[in-house]
Amino acid sequence: MSIIESNLKTAFSTVLQERRSARRLLPGAFPATLVEELASAARLVPSSFDAQPWRIVVLHERNADFWELVTATIDERLENDRRDRYLARAAGMRDGGMTLLIFEDLALSAPQDRLSPEEARDHTSQALGMLQLTLWLSLTAHGLVTSPQHWHEFLEDVVLWFAGLPEEGFRLVAFMPVGRAAERPEPRAELTSRVSRETAP
């Protein structure tokens, strides 16, 4: 193994180990080149037919306004314990200072090459999952933390409006609040047998 290969292996292992979910955030220090680096990382994410069926909106100057909208929408649309639970989550995440909004571009995720709608949906879901992990690892490499939130059930329309995207052309996939961790990560789950050799047990 060459020195370059060894260094790449070590760096990759390190960033995977350091990647953790954080739902309570402190303001982060964001390098001037961060958005450009995230865009470059996103361009390297594989997708079927190289469609890259996503749109990413990075909020920084408008981050506080976004979380005001999220809080107001939760307060209006949810009830009882569920409302209290999501309000508490939003309060913990809003102070990070940056949020990534991730949307599916429906024009780019449409079936191609005789794929069924179900097959195309599977391909798109896999690509969007790889995108979220890539962004997550890129943020981790900068000493930042995040956790993808999937609240589209009750936020999709207002988030699309906030981002200036039409409902008929885009779908909210996730948003990723970014900052410094204000909490210790929970211990990782015990290693279980998810990988086997040659055949499943």
Foldseek 3Di string as FASTA:
>chain_A
DDPVVVVVVVVVVVLVVLAFAFLAFAAADADPCLVVVLVVLLQPQDAVVSLSFKDKDKDAVCLLVVLVVVLVLLVPPDDDPVSVVVNVSSNRQSNHRMKIWMKGFVVSLDDDPPDDRVVSVVRVVVRVVSSVVSSSSSLSVVVKHKDWDAPQVRCFVVVCVVVVHDPVGITTGTMIRMHHHPDDGDDDDDDDPPDDPPDDD
